[in-house]
């Protein structure tokens, strides 16, 4: 069932969101979705690195601590490219916040 820009189903614990374009993470517009197979179906999604950056963007720009914890969870459970995240964080003017992310990641590992 559609609810605004989301599709929800009562038997599924998450929703699909279709944000207005262009797809961006912070100021980065060069986002490349990855294909994820679910059974016989294939869907496009953010890579683990981009999922982590997406949550960090919320932390960087709105100081949302839950988003920091979600970024750490993604980085703990999926392969992420920390060099890419660091370079993006520098471009966003958030290197100090990136260091806080790294500190939290080390603390919880």
PDB file of N, CA and C in Angstrom:
ATOM      1  N   UNK A   1       0.847  -1.155   0.000  1.00  0.00           N
ATOM      2  CA  UNK A   1       0.000   0.000   0.000  1.00  0.00           C
ATOM      3  C   UNK A   1       0.909   1.240   0.000  1.00  0.00           C
ATOM      4  N   UNK A   2       0.522   2.237  -0.752  1.00  0.00           N
ATOM      5  CA  UNK A   2       1.318   3.462  -0.833  1.00  0.00           C
ATOM      6  C   UNK A   2       0.900   4.427   0.257  1.00  0.00           C
ATOM      7  N   UNK A   3       1.921   4.986   0.926  1.00  0.00           N
ATOM      8  CA  UNK A   3       1.717   6.038   1.924  1.00  0.00           C
ATOM      9  C   UNK A   3       2.704   7.158   1.611  1.00  0.00           C
ATOM     10  N   UNK A   4       2.261   8.145   0.859  1.00  0.00           N
ATOM     11  CA  UNK A   4       3.145   9.235   0.449  1.00  0.00           C
ATOM     12  C   UNK A   4       4.195   8.722  -0.515  1.00  0.00           C
ATOM     13  N   UNK A   5       5.479   8.859  -0.137  1.00  0.00           N
ATOM     14  CA  UNK A   5       6.565   8.393  -0.997  1.00  0.00           C
ATOM     15  C   UNK A   5       7.046   7.000  -0.589  1.00  0.00           C
ATOM     16  N   UNK A   6       6.257   6.289   0.226  1.00  0.00           N
ATOM     17  CA  UNK A   6       6.644   4.976   0.736  1.00  0.00           C
ATOM     18  C   UNK A   6       5.626   3.921   0.350  1.00  0.00           C
ATOM     19  N   UNK A   7       6.137   2.707   0.235  1.00  0.00           N
ATOM     20  CA  UNK A   7       5.275   1.552   0.045  1.00  0.00           C
ATOM     21  C   UNK A   7       5.449   0.654   1.261  1.00  0.00           C
ATOM     22  N   UNK A   8       4.333   0.306   1.894  1.00  0.00           N
ATOM     23  CA  UNK A   8       4.356  -0.489   3.121  1.00  0.00           C
ATOM     24  C   UNK A   8       3.466  -1.718   2.954  1.00  0.00           C
ATOM     25  N   UNK A   9       3.776  -2.728   3.744  1.00  0.00           N
ATOM     26  CA  UNK A   9       2.957  -3.935   3.771  1.00  0.00           C
ATOM     27  C   UNK A   9       2.884  -4.378   5.224  1.00  0.00           C
ATOM     28  N   UNK A  10       1.691  -4.721   5.721  1.00  0.00           N
ATOM     29  CA  UNK A  10       1.543  -5.053   7.141  1.00  0.00           C
ATOM     30  C   UNK A  10       2.361  -6.273   7.589  1.00  0.00           C
ATOM     31  N   UNK A  11       2.783  -7.127   6.668  1.00  0.00           N
ATOM     32  CA  UNK A  11       3.544  -8.316   7.047  1.00  0.00           C
ATOM     33  C   UNK A  11       5.055  -8.140   6.898  1.00  0.00           C
ATOM     34  N   UNK A  12       5.473  -6.939   6.573  1.00  0.00           N
ATOM     35  CA  UNK A  12       6.897  -6.669   6.361  1.00  0.00           C
ATOM     36  C   UNK A  12       7.341  -5.601   7.346  1.00  0.00           C
ATOM     37  N   UNK A  13       8.495  -5.825   7.979  1.00  0.00           N
ATOM     38  CA  UNK A  13       8.973  -4.916   9.021  1.00  0.00           C
ATOM     39  C   UNK A  13       9.716  -3.694   8.519  1.00  0.00           C
ATOM     40  N   UNK A  14       9.726  -3.449   7.229  1.00  0.00           N
ATOM     41  CA  UNK A  14      10.367  -2.249   6.695  1.00  0.00           C
ATOM     42  C   UNK A  14       9.517  -1.724   5.551  1.00  0.00           C
ATOM     43  N   UNK A  15       9.858  -0.538   5.060  1.00  0.00           N
ATOM     44  CA  UNK A  15       9.121   0.034   3.934  1.00  0.00           C
ATOM     45  C   UNK A  15      10.101   0.396   2.833  1.00  0.00           C
ATOM     46  N   UNK A  16       9.605   0.540   1.649  1.00  0.00           N
ATOM     47  CA  UNK A  16      10.394   1.019   0.523  1.00  0.00           C
ATOM     48  C   UNK A  16      10.076   2.480   0.310  1.00  0.00           C
ATOM     49  N   UNK A  17      11.116   3.270   0.138  1.00  0.00           N
ATOM     50  CA  UNK A  17      10.939   4.704  -0.081  1.00  0.00           C
ATOM     51  C   UNK A  17      11.432   5.053  -1.472  1.00  0.00           C
ATOM     52  N   UNK A  18      10.691   5.894  -2.141  1.00  0.00           N
ATOM     53  CA  UNK A  18      11.066   6.367  -3.459  1.00  0.00           C
ATOM     54  C   UNK A  18      11.185   7.889  -3.394  1.00  0.00           C
ATOM     55  N   UNK A  19      12.344   8.399  -2.935  1.00  0.00           N
ATOM     56  CA  UNK A  19      12.489   9.851  -2.802  1.00  0.00           C
ATOM     57  C   UNK A  19      12.548  10.527  -4.173  1.00  0.00           C
ATOM     58  N   UNK A  20      12.192  11.793  -4.157  1.00  0.00           N
ATOM     59  CA  UNK A  20      12.294  12.578  -5.388  1.00  0.00           C
ATOM     60  C   UNK A  20      13.763  12.685  -5.781  1.00  0.00           C
ATOM     61  N   UNK A  21      14.018  12.694  -7.046  1.00  0.00           N
ATOM     62  CA  UNK A  21      15.383  12.795  -7.556  1.00  0.00           C
ATOM     63  C   UNK A  21      15.876  14.219  -7.566  1.00  0.00           C
ATOM     64  N   UNK A  22      17.111  14.413  -7.837  1.00  0.00           N
ATOM     65  CA  UNK A  22      18.061  13.340  -8.088  1.00  0.00           C
ATOM     66  C   UNK A  22      18.516  12.705  -6.770  1.00  0.00           C
ATOM     67  N   UNK A  23      18.865  11.434  -6.850  1.00  0.00           N
ATOM     68  CA  UNK A  23      19.370  10.726  -5.689  1.00  0.00           C
ATOM     69  C   UNK A  23      20.725  11.319  -5.310  1.00  0.00           C
ATOM     70  N   UNK A  24      20.869  11.683  -4.047  1.00  0.00           N
ATOM     71  CA  UNK A  24      22.121  12.281  -3.573  1.00  0.00           C
ATOM     72  C   UNK A  24      22.359  11.863  -2.136  1.00  0.00           C
ATOM     73  N   UNK A  25      23.621  11.881  -1.765  1.00  0.00           N
ATOM     74  CA  UNK A  25      24.005  11.690  -0.371  1.00  0.00           C
ATOM     75  C   UNK A  25      24.836  12.917  -0.017  1.00  0.00           C
ATOM     76  N   UNK A  26      24.271  13.777   0.815  1.00  0.00           N
ATOM     77  CA  UNK A  26      24.904  15.067   1.050  1.00  0.00           C
ATOM     78  C   UNK A  26      24.934  15.820  -0.267  1.00  0.00           C
ATOM     79  N   UNK A  27      26.106  16.264  -0.671  1.00  0.00           N
ATOM     80  CA  UNK A  27      26.241  16.979  -1.942  1.00  0.00           C
ATOM     81  C   UNK A  27      26.684  16.066  -3.079  1.00  0.00           C
ATOM     82  N   UNK A  28      26.858  14.768  -2.813  1.00  0.00           N
ATOM     83  CA  UNK A  28      27.314  13.807  -3.819  1.00  0.00           C
ATOM     84  C   UNK A  28      26.132  13.317  -4.649  1.00  0.00           C
ATOM     85  N   UNK A  29      26.127  13.675  -5.926  1.00  0.00           N
ATOM     86  CA  UNK A  29      25.061  13.248  -6.845  1.00  0.00           C
ATOM     87  C   UNK A  29      25.444  12.010  -7.655  1.00  0.00           C
ATOM     88  N   UNK A  30      26.666  11.520  -7.504  1.00  0.00           N
ATOM     89  CA  UNK A  30      27.148  10.378  -8.301  1.00  0.00           C
ATOM     90  C   UNK A  30      26.895   9.064  -7.570  1.00  0.00           C
ATOM     91  N   UNK A  31      25.648   8.794  -7.273  1.00  0.00           N
ATOM     92  CA  UNK A  31      25.272   7.595  -6.533  1.00  0.00           C
ATOM     93  C   UNK A  31      24.970   6.482  -7.519  1.00  0.00           C
ATOM     94  N   UNK A  32      25.580   5.329  -7.298  1.00  0.00           N
ATOM     95  CA  UNK A  32      25.349   4.173  -8.164  1.00  0.00           C
ATOM     96  C   UNK A  32      24.687   3.063  -7.365  1.00  0.00           C
ATOM     97  N   UNK A  33      23.403   2.847  -7.580  1.00  0.00           N
ATOM     98  CA  UNK A  33      22.736   1.747  -6.868  1.00  0.00           C
ATOM     99  C   UNK A  33      23.351   0.404  -7.250  1.00  0.00           C
ATOM    100  N   UNK A  34      23.217  -0.553  -6.362  1.00  0.00           N
ATOM    101  CA  UNK A  34      23.684  -1.914  -6.610  1.00  0.00           C
ATOM    102  C   UNK A  34      22.470  -2.821  -6.742  1.00  0.00           C
ATOM    103  N   UNK A  35      22.637  -3.928  -7.447  1.00  0.00           N
ATOM    104  CA  UNK A  35      21.562  -4.901  -7.575  1.00  0.00           C
ATOM    105  C   UNK A  35      21.602  -5.852  -6.387  1.00  0.00           C
ATOM    106  N   UNK A  36      20.446  -6.077  -5.787  1.00  0.00           N
ATOM    107  CA  UNK A  36      20.314  -6.990  -4.661  1.00  0.00           C
ATOM    108  C   UNK A  36      19.290  -8.042  -5.050  1.00  0.00           C
ATOM    109  N   UNK A  37      19.696  -9.309  -4.978  1.00  0.00           N
ATOM    110  CA  UNK A  37      18.784 -10.398  -5.300  1.00  0.00           C
ATOM    111  C   UNK A  37      18.047 -10.838  -4.046  1.00  0.00           C
ATOM    112  N   UNK A  38      16.731 -10.956  -4.170  1.00  0.00           N
ATOM    113  CA  UNK A  38      15.883 -11.477  -3.103  1.00  0.00           C
ATOM    114  C   UNK A  38      15.045 -12.576  -3.738  1.00  0.00           C
ATOM    115  N   UNK A  39      15.444 -13.807  -3.498  1.00  0.00           N
ATOM    116  CA  UNK A  39      14.788 -14.915  -4.179  1.00  0.00           C
ATOM    117  C   UNK A  39      15.024 -14.800  -5.668  1.00  0.00           C
ATOM    118  N   UNK A  40      13.952 -14.836  -6.432  1.00  0.00           N
ATOM    119  CA  UNK A  40      14.048 -14.705  -7.887  1.00  0.00           C
ATOM    120  C   UNK A  40      13.976 -13.256  -8.348  1.00  0.00           C
ATOM    121  N   UNK A  41      13.849 -12.329  -7.413  1.00  0.00           N
ATOM    122  CA  UNK A  41      13.697 -10.921  -7.754  1.00  0.00           C
ATOM    123  C   UNK A  41      14.997 -10.165  -7.534  1.00  0.00           C
ATOM    124  N   UNK A  42      15.189  -9.152  -8.334  1.00  0.00           N
ATOM    125  CA  UNK A  42      16.363  -8.275  -8.214  1.00  0.00           C
ATOM    126  C   UNK A  42      15.864  -6.852  -8.053  1.00  0.00           C
ATOM    127  N   UNK A  43      16.441  -6.138  -7.078  1.00  0.00           N
ATOM    128  CA  UNK A  43      16.056  -4.738  -6.879  1.00  0.00           C
ATOM    129  C   UNK A  43      17.311  -3.886  -6.780  1.00  0.00           C
ATOM    130  N   UNK A  44      17.148  -2.611  -6.996  1.00  0.00           N
ATOM    131  CA  UNK A  44      18.243  -1.657  -6.847  1.00  0.00           C
ATOM    132  C   UNK A  44      18.189  -1.081  -5.446  1.00  0.00           C
ATOM    133  N   UNK A  45      19.360  -0.938  -4.839  1.00  0.00           N
ATOM    134  CA  UNK A  45      19.456  -0.395  -3.483  1.00  0.00           C
ATOM    135  C   UNK A  45      20.779   0.339  -3.341  1.00  0.00           C
ATOM    136  N   UNK A  46      20.913   1.067  -2.245  1.00  0.00           N
ATOM    137  CA  UNK A  46      22.198   1.688  -1.939  1.00  0.00           C
ATOM    138  C   UNK A  46      23.189   0.605  -1.527  1.00  0.00           C
ATOM    139  N   UNK A  47      24.440   0.774  -1.903  1.00  0.00           N
ATOM    140  CA  UNK A  47      25.496  -0.132  -1.438  1.00  0.00           C
ATOM    141  C   UNK A  47      25.668   0.059   0.065  1.00  0.00           C
ATOM    142  N   UNK A  48      26.311  -0.882   0.744  1.00  0.00           N
ATOM    143  CA  UNK A  48      26.576  -0.672   2.172  1.00  0.00           C
ATOM    144  C   UNK A  48      27.339   0.635   2.444  1.00  0.00           C
ATOM    145  N   UNK A  49      28.315   0.957   1.604  1.00  0.00           N
ATOM    146  CA  UNK A  49      29.065   2.205   1.791  1.00  0.00           C
ATOM    147  C   UNK A  49      28.146   3.406   1.652  1.00  0.00           C
ATOM    148  N   UNK A  50      27.285   3.405   0.633  1.00  0.00           N
ATOM    149  CA  UNK A  50      26.363   4.524   0.451  1.00  0.00           C
ATOM    150  C   UNK A  50      25.290   4.558   1.534  1.00  0.00           C
ATOM    151  N   UNK A  51      24.851   3.407   2.015  1.00  0.00           N
ATOM    152  CA  UNK A  51      23.898   3.376   3.138  1.00  0.00           C
ATOM    153  C   UNK A  51      24.525   4.008   4.374  1.00  0.00           C
ATOM    154  N   UNK A  52      25.789   3.680   4.617  1.00  0.00           N
ATOM    155  CA  UNK A  52      26.507   4.262   5.747  1.00  0.00           C
ATOM    156  C   UNK A  52      26.629   5.777   5.570  1.00  0.00           C
ATOM    157  N   UNK A  53      27.016   6.214   4.370  1.00  0.00           N
ATOM    158  CA  UNK A  53      27.140   7.658   4.118  1.00  0.00           C
ATOM    159  C   UNK A  53      25.800   8.362   4.259  1.00  0.00           C
ATOM    160  N   UNK A  54      24.727   7.716   3.815  1.00  0.00           N
ATOM    161  CA  UNK A  54      23.396   8.309   3.924  1.00  0.00           C
ATOM    162  C   UNK A  54      23.042   8.576   5.383  1.00  0.00           C
ATOM    163  N   UNK A  55      23.300   7.624   6.251  1.00  0.00           N
ATOM    164  CA  UNK A  55      23.014   7.815   7.680  1.00  0.00           C
ATOM    165  C   UNK A  55      23.961   8.849   8.277  1.00  0.00           C
ATOM    166  N   UNK A  56      25.226   8.835   7.851  1.00  0.00           N
ATOM    167  CA  UNK A  56      26.168   9.839   8.356  1.00  0.00           C
ATOM    168  C   UNK A  56      25.773  11.242   7.908  1.00  0.00           C
ATOM    169  N   UNK A  57      25.210  11.381   6.715  1.00  0.00           N
ATOM    170  CA  UNK A  57      24.765  12.708   6.255  1.00  0.00           C
ATOM    171  C   UNK A  57      23.732  13.281   7.222  1.00  0.00           C
ATOM    172  N   UNK A  58      22.832  12.442   7.694  1.00  0.00           N
ATOM    173  CA  UNK A  58      21.820  12.902   8.653  1.00  0.00           C
ATOM    174  C   UNK A  58      22.498  13.296   9.965  1.00  0.00           C
ATOM    175  N   UNK A  59      23.454  12.490  10.405  1.00  0.00           N
ATOM    176  CA  UNK A  59      24.201  12.823  11.624  1.00  0.00           C
ATOM    177  C   UNK A  59      24.980  14.126  11.437  1.00  0.00           C
ATOM    178  N   UNK A  60      25.687  14.258  10.340  1.00  0.00           N
ATOM    179  CA  UNK A  60      26.501  15.446  10.096  1.00  0.00           C
ATOM    180  C   UNK A  60      25.664  16.724  10.051  1.00  0.00           C
ATOM    181  N   UNK A  61      24.538  16.656   9.371  1.00  0.00           N
ATOM    182  CA  UNK A  61      23.778  17.876   9.120  1.00  0.00           C
ATOM    183  C   UNK A  61      22.732  18.208  10.180  1.00  0.00           C
ATOM    184  N   UNK A  62      22.219  17.193  10.873  1.00  0.00           N
ATOM    185  CA  UNK A  62      21.177  17.444  11.872  1.00  0.00           C
ATOM    186  C   UNK A  62      21.531  16.924  13.261  1.00  0.00           C
ATOM    187  N   UNK A  63      22.776  16.423  13.409  1.00  0.00           N
ATOM    188  CA  UNK A  63      23.259  15.928  14.716  1.00  0.00           C
ATOM    189  C   UNK A  63      22.376  14.801  15.266  1.00  0.00           C
ATOM    190  N   UNK A  64      21.816  14.010  14.387  1.00  0.00           N
ATOM    191  CA  UNK A  64      20.924  12.920  14.777  1.00  0.00           C
ATOM    192  C   UNK A  64      21.759  11.716  15.226  1.00  0.00           C
ATOM    193  N   UNK A  65      21.780  11.476  16.534  1.00  0.00           N
ATOM    194  CA  UNK A  65      22.617  10.415  17.104  1.00  0.00           C
ATOM    195  C   UNK A  65      22.156   9.022  16.671  1.00  0.00           C
ATOM    196  N   UNK A  66      20.852   8.840  16.488  1.00  0.00           N
ATOM    197  CA  UNK A  66      20.376   7.538  16.036  1.00  0.00           C
ATOM    198  C   UNK A  66      20.950   7.207  14.658  1.00  0.00           C
ATOM    199  N   UNK A  67      21.072   8.196  13.807  1.00  0.00           N
ATOM    200  CA  UNK A  67      21.648   7.970  12.482  1.00  0.00           C
ATOM    201  C   UNK A  67      23.125   7.602  12.581  1.00  0.00           C
ATOM    202  N   UNK A  68      23.848   8.191  13.535  1.00  0.00           N
ATOM    203  CA  UNK A  68      25.236   7.789  13.772  1.00  0.00           C
ATOM    204  C   UNK A  68      25.290   6.316  14.163  1.00  0.00           C
ATOM    205  N   UNK A  69      24.420   5.897  15.072  1.00  0.00           N
ATOM    206  CA  UNK A  69      24.411   4.501  15.517  1.00  0.00           C
ATOM    207  C   UNK A  69      24.039   3.558  14.374  1.00  0.00           C
ATOM    208  N   UNK A  70      23.138   3.990  13.499  1.00  0.00           N
ATOM    209  CA  UNK A  70      22.781   3.163  12.346  1.00  0.00           C
ATOM    210  C   UNK A  70      23.951   3.052  11.373  1.00  0.00           C
ATOM    211  N   UNK A  71      24.686   4.137  11.155  1.00  0.00           N
ATOM    212  CA  UNK A  71      25.868   4.097  10.288  1.00  0.00           C
ATOM    213  C   UNK A  71      26.901   3.125  10.851  1.00  0.00           C
ATOM    214  N   UNK A  72      27.091   3.167  12.162  1.00  0.00           N
ATOM    215  CA  UNK A  72      28.026   2.244  12.812  1.00  0.00           C
ATOM    216  C   UNK A  72      27.548   0.809  12.626  1.00  0.00           C
ATOM    217  N   UNK A  73      26.262   0.565  12.787  1.00  0.00           N
ATOM    218  CA  UNK A  73      25.716  -0.790  12.621  1.00  0.00           C
ATOM    219  C   UNK A  73      25.941  -1.299  11.199  1.00  0.00           C
ATOM    220  N   UNK A  74      25.717  -0.445  10.216  1.00  0.00           N
ATOM    221  CA  UNK A  74      25.963  -0.851   8.830  1.00  0.00           C
ATOM    222  C   UNK A  74      27.436  -1.215   8.664  1.00  0.00           C
ATOM    223  N   UNK A  75      28.330  -0.370   9.164  1.00  0.00           N
ATOM    224  CA  UNK A  75      29.771  -0.602   9.007  1.00  0.00           C
ATOM    225  C   UNK A  75      30.252  -1.839   9.766  1.00  0.00           C
ATOM    226  N   UNK A  76      29.578  -2.183  10.838  1.00  0.00           N
ATOM    227  CA  UNK A  76      29.961  -3.382  11.597  1.00  0.00           C
ATOM    228  C   UNK A  76      29.511  -4.667  10.911  1.00  0.00           C
ATOM    229  N   UNK A  77      28.416  -4.600  10.169  1.00  0.00           N
ATOM    230  CA  UNK A  77      27.817  -5.821   9.634  1.00  0.00           C
ATOM    231  C   UNK A  77      27.932  -5.992   8.119  1.00  0.00           C
ATOM    232  N   UNK A  78      28.408  -4.960   7.431  1.00  0.00           N
ATOM    233  CA  UNK A  78      28.558  -5.018   5.978  1.00  0.00           C
ATOM    234  C   UNK A  78      29.921  -4.454   5.592  1.00  0.00           C
ATOM    235  N   UNK A  79      30.471  -4.900   4.476  1.00  0.00           N
ATOM    236  CA  UNK A  79      31.746  -4.315   4.032  1.00  0.00           C
ATOM    237  C   UNK A  79      31.527  -2.892   3.517  1.00  0.00           C
ATOM    238  N   UNK A  80      32.193  -1.931   4.135  1.00  0.00           N
ATOM    239  CA  UNK A  80      32.118  -0.540   3.683  1.00  0.00           C
ATOM    240  C   UNK A  80      33.524  -0.048   3.373  1.00  0.00           C
ATOM    241  N   UNK A  81      33.619   0.909   2.482  1.00  0.00           N
ATOM    242  CA  UNK A  81      34.895   1.495   2.085  1.00  0.00           C
ATOM    243  C   UNK A  81      35.135   2.743   2.931  1.00  0.00           C
ATOM    244  N   UNK A  82      35.918   2.595   3.987  1.00  0.00           N
ATOM    245  CA  UNK A  82      36.169   3.715   4.902  1.00  0.00           C
ATOM    246  C   UNK A  82      36.936   4.847   4.234  1.00  0.00           C
ATOM    247  N   UNK A  83      37.782   4.535   3.247  1.00  0.00           N
ATOM    248  CA  UNK A  83      38.497   5.600   2.526  1.00  0.00           C
ATOM    249  C   UNK A  83      37.513   6.468   1.742  1.00  0.00           C
ATOM    250  N   UNK A  84      36.532   5.836   1.107  1.00  0.00           N
ATOM    251  CA  UNK A  84      35.501   6.583   0.369  1.00  0.00           C
ATOM    252  C   UNK A  84      34.678   7.441   1.334  1.00  0.00           C
ATOM    253  N   UNK A  85      34.321   6.867   2.469  1.00  0.00           N
ATOM    254  CA  UNK A  85      33.531   7.607   3.456  1.00  0.00           C
ATOM    255  C   UNK A  85      34.331   8.772   4.006  1.00  0.00           C
ATOM    256  N   UNK A  86      35.616   8.574   4.241  1.00  0.00           N
ATOM    257  CA  UNK A  86      36.473   9.658   4.748  1.00  0.00           C
ATOM    258  C   UNK A  86      36.584  10.791   3.725  1.00  0.00           C
ATOM    259  N   UNK A  87      36.835  10.434   2.464  1.00  0.00           N
ATOM    260  CA  UNK A  87      36.963  11.466   1.417  1.00  0.00           C
ATOM    261  C   UNK A  87      35.652  12.237   1.270  1.00  0.00           C
ATOM    262  N   UNK A  88      34.534  11.533   1.286  1.00  0.00           N
ATOM    263  CA  UNK A  88      33.225  12.196   1.198  1.00  0.00           C
ATOM    264  C   UNK A  88      33.006  13.096   2.410  1.00  0.00           C
ATOM    265  N   UNK A  89      33.376  12.605   3.597  1.00  0.00           N
ATOM    266  CA  UNK A  89      33.224  13.409   4.824  1.00  0.00           C
ATOM    267  C   UNK A  89      34.041  14.685   4.741  1.00  0.00           C
ATOM    268  N   UNK A  90      35.244  14.587   4.192  1.00  0.00           N
ATOM    269  CA  UNK A  90      36.080  15.779   4.012  1.00  0.00           C
ATOM    270  C   UNK A  90      35.381  16.757   3.086  1.00  0.00           C
ATOM    271  N   UNK A  91      34.842  16.262   1.967  1.00  0.00           N
ATOM    272  CA  UNK A  91      34.139  17.129   1.009  1.00  0.00           C
ATOM    273  C   UNK A  91      32.904  17.773   1.638  1.00  0.00           C
ATOM    274  N   UNK A  92      32.277  17.092   2.587  1.00  0.00           N
ATOM    275  CA  UNK A  92      31.108  17.627   3.284  1.00  0.00           C
ATOM    276  C   UNK A  92      31.502  18.596   4.405  1.00  0.00           C
ATOM    277  N   UNK A  93      32.809  18.738   4.663  1.00  0.00           N
ATOM    278  CA  UNK A  93      33.276  19.603   5.752  1.00  0.00           C
ATOM    279  C   UNK A  93      33.022  18.984   7.117  1.00  0.00           C
ATOM    280  N   UNK A  94      33.058  17.654   7.189  1.00  0.00           N
ATOM    281  CA  UNK A  94      32.685  16.953   8.429  1.00  0.00           C
ATOM    282  C   UNK A  94      33.730  15.941   8.882  1.00  0.00           C
ATOM    283  N   UNK A  95      35.010  16.271   8.714  1.00  0.00           N
ATOM    284  CA  UNK A  95      36.051  15.329   9.132  1.00  0.00           C
ATOM    285  C   UNK A  95      36.027  15.059  10.636  1.00  0.00           C
ATOM    286  N   UNK A  96      35.744  16.069  11.451  1.00  0.00           N
ATOM    287  CA  UNK A  96      35.657  15.840  12.901  1.00  0.00           C
ATOM    288  C   UNK A  96      34.529  14.862  13.217  1.00  0.00           C
ATOM    289  N   UNK A  97      33.405  14.992  12.528  1.00  0.00           N
ATOM    290  CA  UNK A  97      32.286  14.070  12.729  1.00  0.00           C
ATOM    291  C   UNK A  97      32.637  12.669  12.239  1.00  0.00           C
ATOM    292  N   UNK A  98      33.424  12.582  11.160  1.00  0.00           N
ATOM    293  CA  UNK A  98      33.883  11.281  10.674  1.00  0.00           C
ATOM    294  C   UNK A  98      34.742  10.607  11.745  1.00  0.00           C
ATOM    295  N   UNK A  99      35.599  11.382  12.392  1.00  0.00           N
ATOM    296  CA  UNK A  99      36.441  10.821  13.460  1.00  0.00           C
ATOM    297  C   UNK A  99      35.577  10.316  14.610  1.00  0.00           C
ATOM    298  N   UNK A 100      34.483  11.006  14.894  1.00  0.00           N
ATOM    299  CA  UNK A 100      33.565  10.520  15.925  1.00  0.00           C
ATOM    300  C   UNK A 100      32.927   9.202  15.491  1.00  0.00           C
ATOM    301  N   UNK A 101      32.561   9.103  14.217  1.00  0.00           N
ATOM    302  CA  UNK A 101      32.026   7.847  13.671  1.00  0.00           C
ATOM    303  C   UNK A 101      33.053   6.732  13.832  1.00  0.00           C
ATOM    304  N   UNK A 102      34.305   6.970  13.450  1.00  0.00           N
ATOM    305  CA  UNK A 102      35.351   5.964  13.583  1.00  0.00           C
ATOM    306  C   UNK A 102      35.555   5.546  15.038  1.00  0.00           C
ATOM    307  N   UNK A 103      35.558   6.503  15.919  1.00  0.00           N
ATOM    308  CA  UNK A 103      35.717   6.218  17.346  1.00  0.00           C
ATOM    309  C   UNK A 103      34.579   5.330  17.846  1.00  0.00           C
ATOM    310  N   UNK A 104      33.376   5.641  17.436  1.00  0.00           N
ATOM    311  CA  UNK A 104      32.217   4.836  17.831  1.00  0.00           C
ATOM    312  C   UNK A 104      32.289   3.435  17.228  1.00  0.00           C
ATOM    313  N   UNK A 105      32.744   3.358  15.987  1.00  0.00           N
ATOM    314  CA  UNK A 105      32.899   2.060  15.324  1.00  0.00           C
ATOM    315  C   UNK A 105      33.931   1.205  16.050  1.00  0.00           C
ATOM    316  N   UNK A 106      35.055   1.791  16.420  1.00  0.00           N
ATOM    317  CA  UNK A 106      36.092   1.050  17.158  1.00  0.00           C
ATOM    318  C   UNK A 106      35.591   0.619  18.529  1.00  0.00           C
ATOM    319  N   UNK A 107      34.849   1.505  19.164  1.00  0.00           N
ATOM    320  CA  UNK A 107      34.357   1.220  20.510  1.00  0.00           C
ATOM    321  C   UNK A 107      33.381   0.042  20.523  1.00  0.00           C
ATOM    322  N   UNK A 108      32.607  -0.086  19.472  1.00  0.00           N
ATOM    323  CA  UNK A 108      31.583  -1.128  19.452  1.00  0.00           C
ATOM    324  C   UNK A 108      32.040  -2.418  18.765  1.00  0.00           C
ATOM    325  N   UNK A 109      33.234  -2.416  18.197  1.00  0.00           N
ATOM    326  CA  UNK A 109      33.712  -3.622  17.488  1.00  0.00           C
ATOM    327  C   UNK A 109      34.333  -4.622  18.425  1.00  0.00           C
TER     328      UNK A 109
END
